[in-house]
Amino acid sequence: MTRLTLSWVDTEKIREHDCNVTGSDYNTNLQMLVTSDEKGFIRLWNHNKKYLREIQMPTACDSICFRNPRGDLLVSHSN
């Protein structure tokens, strides 16, 4: 079983992706944006584009989307 890491950020610094973004989705219920990249990072943003959280997958993410209004994530990645 692969272990995922979740980190909290208490900063106003913007955490942009430093490689190709592979997916994004917006949840109108939570007013949150999720993005994924080819290095396996998933990042959550609020409606004001403030960086909230990061999840690191073990491999590149092919796509990401919110599964439902509650905010469950559906991620496609290799392995």
Protein backbone atom coordinates (compact mmCIF):
# COMPACT_ATOMS: atom_id res chain seq x y z
CA MET A 1 0.00 0.00 0.00
CA THR A 2 1.32 3.43 -0.96
CA ARG A 3 1.32 6.10 1.71
CA LEU A 4 0.18 9.60 0.71
CA THR A 5 1.34 12.77 2.39
CA LEU A 6 -0.87 15.73 3.24
CA SER A 7 0.64 19.01 4.26
CA TRP A 8 -0.91 22.23 5.61
CA VAL A 9 0.43 25.59 4.61
CA ASP A 10 0.15 28.67 6.85
CA THR A 11 1.45 31.20 4.40
CA GLU A 12 0.29 33.73 1.88
CA LYS A 13 2.93 32.52 -0.56
CA ILE A 14 1.54 31.20 -3.83
CA ARG A 15 2.43 27.59 -4.60
CA GLU A 16 2.26 27.35 -8.36
CA HIS A 17 3.03 24.12 -10.15
CA ASP A 18 6.58 24.00 -11.51
CA CYS A 19 5.73 21.48 -14.24
CA ASN A 20 2.85 20.71 -16.62
CA VAL A 21 -0.62 20.79 -15.06
CA THR A 22 -2.52 17.65 -16.03
CA GLY A 23 -5.95 18.40 -14.64
CA SER A 24 -8.19 20.82 -12.80
CA ASP A 25 -11.73 21.03 -11.51
CA TYR A 26 -13.84 23.52 -9.57
CA ASN A 27 -16.34 22.55 -6.86
CA THR A 28 -19.06 25.21 -6.74
CA ASN A 29 -20.49 23.80 -3.49
CA LEU A 30 -17.18 24.21 -1.61
CA GLN A 31 -15.90 27.05 -3.83
CA MET A 32 -12.59 25.22 -4.20
CA LEU A 33 -10.28 24.50 -7.13
CA VAL A 34 -8.16 21.36 -7.38
CA THR A 35 -5.18 20.97 -9.74
CA SER A 36 -2.83 18.08 -10.51
CA ASP A 37 0.54 17.86 -12.23
CA GLU A 38 2.93 15.45 -13.90
CA LYS A 39 5.09 15.16 -10.76
CA GLY A 40 2.17 13.74 -8.77
CA PHE A 41 1.20 16.84 -6.80
CA ILE A 42 -2.45 17.65 -6.13
CA ARG A 43 -3.10 21.16 -4.86
CA LEU A 44 -6.26 22.67 -3.42
CA TRP A 45 -7.09 26.37 -3.70
CA ASN A 46 -9.95 28.49 -2.38
CA HIS A 47 -12.12 30.73 -4.56
CA ASN A 48 -9.68 33.63 -4.00
CA LYS A 49 -6.83 31.55 -5.48
CA LYS A 50 -5.21 31.08 -2.05
CA TYR A 51 -3.19 27.87 -1.80
CA LEU A 52 -4.65 25.62 0.91
CA ARG A 53 -3.28 22.09 0.81
CA GLU A 54 -1.10 19.69 -1.08
CA ILE A 55 -1.25 15.93 -1.56
CA GLN A 56 1.65 14.08 -3.15
CA MET A 57 0.91 10.94 -5.13
CA PRO A 58 3.68 8.38 -5.72
CA THR A 59 3.54 8.89 -9.50
CA ALA A 60 2.33 11.43 -12.06
CA CYS A 61 -1.36 12.37 -12.00
CA ASP A 62 -3.08 11.98 -15.33
CA SER A 63 -6.25 13.81 -14.28
CA ILE A 64 -8.19 15.04 -11.24
CA CYS A 65 -11.80 15.97 -10.53
CA PHE A 66 -14.23 16.37 -7.67
CA ARG A 67 -16.39 13.24 -7.49
CA ASN A 68 -19.31 14.90 -5.73
CA PRO A 69 -20.42 18.16 -4.04
CA ARG A 70 -18.89 16.98 -0.71
CA GLY A 71 -15.40 17.34 -2.18
CA ASP A 72 -14.29 13.72 -2.57
CA LEU A 73 -11.51 13.58 -5.16
CA LEU A 74 -11.21 11.21 -8.11
CA VAL A 75 -7.56 10.86 -9.23
CA SER A 76 -6.09 9.04 -12.20
CA HIS A 77 -2.40 8.12 -11.92
CA SER A 78 -0.10 5.33 -13.04
CA ASN A 79 0.56 2.37 -10.72
